[in-house]
N, C-alpha and C. Protein backbone atom coordinates (compact mmCIF):
# COMPACT_ATOMS: atom_id res chain seq x y z
N UNK A 1 125.10 -82.82 -40.27
CA UNK A 1 124.49 -81.52 -40.28
C UNK A 1 123.85 -81.36 -41.66
N UNK A 2 122.73 -80.80 -41.67
CA UNK A 2 122.05 -80.46 -42.95
C UNK A 2 122.76 -79.46 -43.78
N UNK A 3 122.59 -79.65 -45.03
CA UNK A 3 123.20 -78.57 -45.99
C UNK A 3 122.51 -77.30 -45.79
N UNK A 4 123.23 -76.11 -45.74
CA UNK A 4 122.68 -74.89 -45.68
C UNK A 4 122.64 -74.23 -47.04
N UNK A 5 121.45 -73.67 -47.41
CA UNK A 5 121.23 -73.11 -48.67
C UNK A 5 120.57 -71.72 -48.54
N UNK A 6 120.33 -71.07 -49.69
CA UNK A 6 119.63 -69.68 -49.62
C UNK A 6 118.29 -69.74 -48.99
N UNK A 7 117.62 -70.89 -48.97
CA UNK A 7 116.22 -70.95 -48.50
C UNK A 7 116.12 -71.67 -47.10
N UNK A 8 117.31 -71.77 -46.47
CA UNK A 8 117.33 -72.31 -45.12
C UNK A 8 116.63 -71.35 -44.22
N UNK A 9 116.01 -71.96 -43.08
CA UNK A 9 115.40 -71.10 -42.18
C UNK A 9 116.38 -70.25 -41.33
N UNK A 10 115.78 -69.13 -40.88
CA UNK A 10 116.53 -68.20 -40.06
C UNK A 10 117.11 -68.96 -38.80
N UNK A 11 116.36 -69.96 -38.27
CA UNK A 11 116.88 -70.77 -37.15
C UNK A 11 118.14 -71.52 -37.54
N UNK A 12 118.04 -72.15 -38.77
CA UNK A 12 119.21 -72.87 -39.16
C UNK A 12 120.41 -72.03 -39.43
N UNK A 13 120.29 -70.77 -39.95
CA UNK A 13 121.34 -69.86 -40.21
C UNK A 13 121.89 -69.40 -38.81
N UNK A 14 121.03 -69.22 -37.80
CA UNK A 14 121.45 -68.73 -36.48
C UNK A 14 122.33 -69.87 -35.77
N UNK A 15 122.01 -71.10 -36.12
CA UNK A 15 122.85 -72.14 -35.51
C UNK A 15 124.15 -72.53 -36.27
N UNK A 16 124.48 -71.74 -37.20
CA UNK A 16 125.76 -72.07 -37.99
C UNK A 16 126.88 -72.03 -37.15
N UNK A 17 127.71 -73.14 -37.32
CA UNK A 17 128.97 -73.24 -36.63
C UNK A 17 129.98 -72.30 -37.29
N UNK A 18 130.76 -71.60 -36.47
CA UNK A 18 131.74 -70.60 -36.92
C UNK A 18 132.89 -71.23 -37.66
N UNK A 19 132.98 -72.62 -37.61
CA UNK A 19 134.03 -73.29 -38.39
C UNK A 19 133.77 -73.51 -39.84
N UNK A 20 132.42 -73.46 -40.20
CA UNK A 20 132.05 -73.64 -41.59
C UNK A 20 132.30 -72.38 -42.35
N UNK A 21 132.31 -72.56 -43.68
CA UNK A 21 132.56 -71.39 -44.57
C UNK A 21 131.39 -70.36 -44.37
N UNK A 22 130.21 -70.91 -44.34
CA UNK A 22 128.97 -70.10 -44.25
C UNK A 22 129.02 -69.40 -42.90
N UNK A 23 129.37 -70.07 -41.82
CA UNK A 23 129.44 -69.49 -40.47
C UNK A 23 130.47 -68.39 -40.41
N UNK A 24 131.66 -68.66 -41.07
CA UNK A 24 132.66 -67.67 -41.04
C UNK A 24 132.28 -66.43 -41.81
N UNK A 25 131.58 -66.61 -42.97
CA UNK A 25 131.07 -65.47 -43.71
C UNK A 25 130.05 -64.61 -42.93
N UNK A 26 129.20 -65.34 -42.26
CA UNK A 26 128.22 -64.59 -41.42
C UNK A 26 128.78 -63.85 -40.29
N UNK A 27 129.79 -64.54 -39.62
CA UNK A 27 130.52 -63.81 -38.53
C UNK A 27 131.32 -62.62 -39.05
N UNK A 28 131.96 -62.72 -40.26
CA UNK A 28 132.72 -61.67 -40.81
C UNK A 28 131.81 -60.56 -41.21
N UNK A 29 130.68 -60.79 -41.79
CA UNK A 29 129.81 -59.76 -42.20
C UNK A 29 129.27 -58.97 -40.97
N UNK A 30 128.90 -59.73 -39.91
CA UNK A 30 128.45 -59.09 -38.66
C UNK A 30 129.50 -58.13 -38.06
N UNK A 31 130.73 -58.71 -38.06
CA UNK A 31 131.90 -57.90 -37.51
C UNK A 31 132.13 -56.68 -38.27
N UNK A 32 132.08 -56.79 -39.60
CA UNK A 32 132.31 -55.59 -40.45
C UNK A 32 131.30 -54.52 -40.23
N UNK A 33 130.04 -54.90 -40.05
CA UNK A 33 128.86 -54.01 -39.88
C UNK A 33 128.97 -53.40 -38.51
N UNK A 34 129.37 -54.18 -37.50
CA UNK A 34 129.46 -53.60 -36.15
C UNK A 34 130.60 -52.52 -36.16
N UNK A 35 131.67 -52.89 -36.79
CA UNK A 35 132.81 -51.90 -36.89
C UNK A 35 132.31 -50.61 -37.63
N UNK A 36 131.48 -50.82 -38.73
CA UNK A 36 131.00 -49.70 -39.53
C UNK A 36 130.15 -48.77 -38.67
N UNK A 37 129.35 -49.26 -37.75
CA UNK A 37 128.54 -48.32 -36.89
C UNK A 37 129.29 -47.82 -35.67
N UNK A 38 130.58 -48.14 -35.45
CA UNK A 38 131.37 -47.53 -34.44
C UNK A 38 131.75 -48.54 -33.35
N UNK A 39 131.38 -49.78 -33.47
CA UNK A 39 131.91 -50.71 -32.55
C UNK A 39 130.83 -51.18 -31.33
N UNK A 40 129.85 -50.31 -31.12
CA UNK A 40 128.89 -50.67 -30.06
C UNK A 40 127.54 -50.27 -30.61
N UNK A 41 126.96 -51.22 -31.41
CA UNK A 41 125.68 -50.90 -32.00
C UNK A 41 124.54 -50.85 -30.94
N UNK A 42 123.54 -49.93 -31.23
CA UNK A 42 122.32 -49.95 -30.44
C UNK A 42 121.54 -51.16 -30.68
N UNK A 43 120.39 -51.33 -29.91
CA UNK A 43 119.55 -52.45 -30.13
C UNK A 43 118.99 -52.56 -31.52
N UNK A 44 118.59 -51.43 -32.02
CA UNK A 44 118.04 -51.46 -33.42
C UNK A 44 119.08 -51.63 -34.47
N UNK A 45 120.26 -51.17 -34.19
CA UNK A 45 121.41 -51.34 -35.16
C UNK A 45 121.78 -52.91 -35.15
N UNK A 46 121.72 -53.54 -33.97
CA UNK A 46 122.05 -54.99 -33.88
C UNK A 46 121.07 -55.83 -34.67
N UNK A 47 119.79 -55.41 -34.56
CA UNK A 47 118.78 -56.19 -35.31
C UNK A 47 118.98 -55.95 -36.79
N UNK A 48 119.23 -54.76 -37.23
CA UNK A 48 119.55 -54.54 -38.68
C UNK A 48 120.80 -55.30 -39.12
N UNK A 49 121.80 -55.30 -38.30
CA UNK A 49 123.08 -55.99 -38.62
C UNK A 49 122.80 -57.48 -38.72
N UNK A 50 122.12 -58.04 -37.92
CA UNK A 50 121.80 -59.50 -37.95
C UNK A 50 120.94 -59.75 -39.20
N UNK A 51 119.93 -59.04 -39.53
CA UNK A 51 119.11 -59.24 -40.72
C UNK A 51 119.98 -59.04 -42.03
N UNK A 52 120.75 -58.01 -42.04
CA UNK A 52 121.57 -57.75 -43.18
C UNK A 52 122.60 -58.78 -43.41
N UNK A 53 123.17 -59.37 -42.30
CA UNK A 53 124.15 -60.40 -42.46
C UNK A 53 123.45 -61.64 -42.97
N UNK A 54 122.30 -61.94 -42.46
CA UNK A 54 121.64 -63.19 -42.96
C UNK A 54 121.18 -63.06 -44.47
N UNK A 55 120.80 -61.78 -44.89
CA UNK A 55 120.42 -61.58 -46.27
C UNK A 55 121.71 -61.71 -47.16
N UNK A 56 122.81 -61.14 -46.67
CA UNK A 56 123.98 -61.21 -47.45
C UNK A 56 124.51 -62.64 -47.66
N UNK A 57 124.34 -63.40 -46.56
CA UNK A 57 124.70 -64.78 -46.68
C UNK A 57 123.72 -65.57 -47.58
N UNK A 58 122.42 -65.35 -47.54
CA UNK A 58 121.56 -65.98 -48.50
C UNK A 58 121.88 -65.60 -49.95
N UNK A 59 122.26 -64.33 -50.17
CA UNK A 59 122.63 -63.98 -51.58
C UNK A 59 123.96 -64.59 -52.04
N UNK A 60 124.86 -64.67 -51.08
CA UNK A 60 126.13 -65.48 -51.45
C UNK A 60 125.80 -66.90 -51.70
N UNK A 61 124.92 -67.53 -50.92
CA UNK A 61 124.63 -69.04 -51.18
C UNK A 61 123.90 -69.13 -52.46
N UNK A 62 123.04 -68.13 -52.82
CA UNK A 62 122.32 -68.26 -54.09
C UNK A 62 123.31 -68.10 -55.27
N UNK A 63 124.24 -67.19 -55.12
CA UNK A 63 125.23 -66.98 -56.12
C UNK A 63 126.00 -68.28 -56.31
N UNK A 64 126.42 -68.86 -55.27
CA UNK A 64 127.17 -70.18 -55.46
C UNK A 64 126.37 -71.32 -55.96
N UNK A 65 125.20 -71.51 -55.51
CA UNK A 65 124.31 -72.58 -55.82
C UNK A 65 123.87 -72.41 -57.31
N UNK A 66 123.48 -71.29 -57.78
CA UNK A 66 122.90 -71.25 -59.14
C UNK A 66 123.99 -70.96 -60.21
N UNK A 67 125.17 -70.52 -59.79
CA UNK A 67 126.25 -70.26 -60.77
C UNK A 67 125.84 -69.39 -61.95
N UNK A 68 125.08 -68.29 -61.69
CA UNK A 68 124.75 -67.36 -62.68
C UNK A 68 123.41 -67.66 -63.45
N UNK A 69 122.83 -68.92 -63.27
CA UNK A 69 121.63 -69.22 -63.99
C UNK A 69 120.51 -69.32 -62.96
N UNK A 70 119.67 -68.33 -62.92
CA UNK A 70 118.53 -68.34 -61.89
C UNK A 70 117.30 -68.57 -62.67
N UNK A 71 116.38 -69.37 -61.89
CA UNK A 71 115.02 -69.62 -62.32
C UNK A 71 114.33 -68.25 -62.21
N UNK A 72 113.11 -68.13 -62.80
CA UNK A 72 112.40 -66.81 -62.63
C UNK A 72 112.08 -66.59 -61.17
N UNK A 73 111.73 -67.59 -60.38
CA UNK A 73 111.31 -67.45 -59.09
C UNK A 73 112.59 -66.90 -58.26
N UNK A 74 113.78 -67.72 -58.53
CA UNK A 74 114.90 -67.33 -57.78
C UNK A 74 115.51 -65.94 -58.20
N UNK A 75 115.31 -65.52 -59.41
CA UNK A 75 115.70 -64.23 -59.80
C UNK A 75 114.86 -63.05 -59.16
N UNK A 76 113.53 -63.35 -58.97
CA UNK A 76 112.70 -62.43 -58.24
C UNK A 76 113.14 -62.31 -56.76
N UNK A 77 113.40 -63.47 -56.13
CA UNK A 77 113.81 -63.55 -54.80
C UNK A 77 115.19 -62.85 -54.63
N UNK A 78 116.07 -63.08 -55.60
CA UNK A 78 117.40 -62.42 -55.55
C UNK A 78 117.22 -60.93 -55.53
N UNK A 79 116.45 -60.34 -56.47
CA UNK A 79 116.27 -59.01 -56.60
C UNK A 79 115.67 -58.40 -55.34
N UNK A 80 114.69 -59.12 -54.80
CA UNK A 80 114.01 -58.69 -53.66
C UNK A 80 114.94 -58.64 -52.50
N UNK A 81 115.74 -59.67 -52.28
CA UNK A 81 116.76 -59.77 -51.18
C UNK A 81 117.75 -58.66 -51.33
N UNK A 82 118.28 -58.42 -52.53
CA UNK A 82 119.22 -57.42 -52.79
C UNK A 82 118.73 -56.01 -52.54
N UNK A 83 117.45 -55.76 -52.88
CA UNK A 83 116.86 -54.50 -52.54
C UNK A 83 116.64 -54.31 -51.12
N UNK A 84 116.29 -55.35 -50.43
CA UNK A 84 116.08 -55.21 -48.93
C UNK A 84 117.39 -55.02 -48.24
N UNK A 85 118.51 -55.69 -48.73
CA UNK A 85 119.84 -55.50 -48.17
C UNK A 85 120.23 -54.18 -48.36
N UNK A 86 120.03 -53.53 -49.57
CA UNK A 86 120.46 -52.19 -49.75
C UNK A 86 119.67 -51.16 -48.87
N UNK A 87 118.45 -51.40 -48.67
CA UNK A 87 117.69 -50.58 -47.71
C UNK A 87 118.17 -50.62 -46.25
N UNK A 88 118.51 -51.95 -45.82
CA UNK A 88 119.03 -52.08 -44.51
C UNK A 88 120.42 -51.40 -44.34
N UNK A 89 121.25 -51.49 -45.36
CA UNK A 89 122.58 -50.84 -45.25
C UNK A 89 122.45 -49.35 -45.24
N UNK A 90 121.45 -48.88 -46.01
CA UNK A 90 121.21 -47.35 -45.98
C UNK A 90 120.77 -46.94 -44.56
N UNK A 91 120.01 -47.79 -43.95
CA UNK A 91 119.44 -47.44 -42.54
C UNK A 91 120.66 -47.45 -41.58
N UNK A 92 121.69 -48.29 -41.86
CA UNK A 92 122.80 -48.37 -40.99
C UNK A 92 123.70 -47.15 -41.28
N UNK A 93 123.61 -46.57 -42.49
CA UNK A 93 124.46 -45.41 -42.79
C UNK A 93 125.47 -45.84 -43.89
N UNK A 94 125.56 -44.99 -44.90
CA UNK A 94 126.52 -45.29 -45.96
C UNK A 94 128.01 -45.00 -45.52
N UNK A 95 128.13 -44.05 -44.74
CA UNK A 95 129.47 -43.72 -44.16
C UNK A 95 129.68 -44.34 -42.83
N UNK A 96 130.89 -44.75 -42.59
CA UNK A 96 131.29 -45.35 -41.21
C UNK A 96 131.03 -44.30 -40.22
N UNK A 97 130.81 -44.72 -38.97
CA UNK A 97 130.76 -43.82 -37.79
C UNK A 97 132.04 -43.08 -37.63
N UNK A 98 131.87 -41.86 -37.32
CA UNK A 98 133.12 -41.05 -37.08
C UNK A 98 133.96 -41.53 -35.85
N UNK A 99 135.13 -41.51 -36.00
CA UNK A 99 136.04 -41.93 -34.77
C UNK A 99 135.90 -40.83 -33.80
N UNK A 100 135.89 -41.16 -32.51
CA UNK A 100 135.80 -40.12 -31.45
C UNK A 100 137.03 -39.16 -31.58
N UNK A 101 136.74 -37.98 -31.35
CA UNK A 101 137.78 -36.87 -31.39
C UNK A 101 138.77 -37.07 -30.25
N UNK A 102 140.08 -36.90 -30.42
CA UNK A 102 141.00 -37.11 -29.22
C UNK A 102 140.70 -36.01 -28.12
N UNK A 103 140.90 -36.36 -26.90
CA UNK A 103 140.70 -35.46 -25.82
C UNK A 103 141.87 -34.49 -25.71
N UNK A 104 141.65 -33.39 -24.97
CA UNK A 104 142.73 -32.37 -24.81
C UNK A 104 143.93 -33.03 -24.24
N UNK A 105 143.72 -33.91 -23.25
CA UNK A 105 144.91 -34.58 -22.61
C UNK A 105 145.68 -35.36 -23.67
N UNK A 106 145.06 -36.05 -24.64
CA UNK A 106 145.73 -36.80 -25.59
C UNK A 106 146.54 -35.89 -26.47
N UNK A 107 145.93 -34.80 -26.91
CA UNK A 107 146.61 -33.81 -27.78
C UNK A 107 147.84 -33.28 -27.03
N UNK A 108 147.72 -32.88 -25.75
CA UNK A 108 148.82 -32.30 -25.03
C UNK A 108 149.91 -33.34 -24.91
N UNK A 109 149.50 -34.74 -24.69
CA UNK A 109 150.56 -35.66 -24.55
C UNK A 109 151.29 -35.84 -25.83
N UNK A 110 150.63 -35.81 -26.97
CA UNK A 110 151.32 -35.92 -28.19
C UNK A 110 152.23 -34.68 -28.57
N UNK A 111 151.82 -33.54 -28.19
CA UNK A 111 152.61 -32.37 -28.41
C UNK A 111 153.86 -32.18 -27.51
N UNK A 112 153.72 -32.58 -26.23
CA UNK A 112 154.70 -32.37 -25.25
C UNK A 112 156.09 -32.95 -25.67
N UNK A 113 156.07 -34.30 -25.92
CA UNK A 113 157.46 -34.90 -26.14
C UNK A 113 158.01 -34.47 -27.46
N UNK A 114 157.29 -34.29 -28.46
CA UNK A 114 157.74 -33.98 -29.79
C UNK A 114 158.34 -32.56 -29.98
N UNK A 115 157.75 -31.68 -29.24
CA UNK A 115 158.11 -30.15 -29.38
C UNK A 115 158.94 -29.67 -28.17
N UNK A 116 159.11 -30.56 -27.29
CA UNK A 116 159.92 -30.13 -26.07
C UNK A 116 159.16 -29.15 -25.18
N UNK A 117 157.95 -29.11 -25.18
CA UNK A 117 157.10 -28.25 -24.44
C UNK A 117 156.94 -28.78 -23.09
N UNK A 118 157.17 -28.03 -22.02
CA UNK A 118 156.94 -28.56 -20.63
C UNK A 118 155.47 -28.31 -20.31
N UNK A 119 154.83 -29.36 -19.66
CA UNK A 119 153.44 -29.17 -19.28
C UNK A 119 153.27 -28.49 -18.07
């Protein structure tokens, strides 16, 4: 398998095996973002999540590859990708999706046994 780096194609990143370090990172980022938007993202949220996950992986690969010393070109790309990632994350929302409020039945079920109230 070819080595994956920050400049690998989107197709190569999409084919990452979940057993590799990069594949696990990509899967974990996606899972975290899906959880962040409430567990069932819309089509547009899914696209943003995939793009954000790929950008985050590219940034992580660049961090590991360059070890803090970036060429001028790589520094510009890094800043550009970081800015793009920030914009995507803002579009997904800075705060996690609110958990659904409990139903009246759930509330009554919780109250009934603990307070000895008959339904």
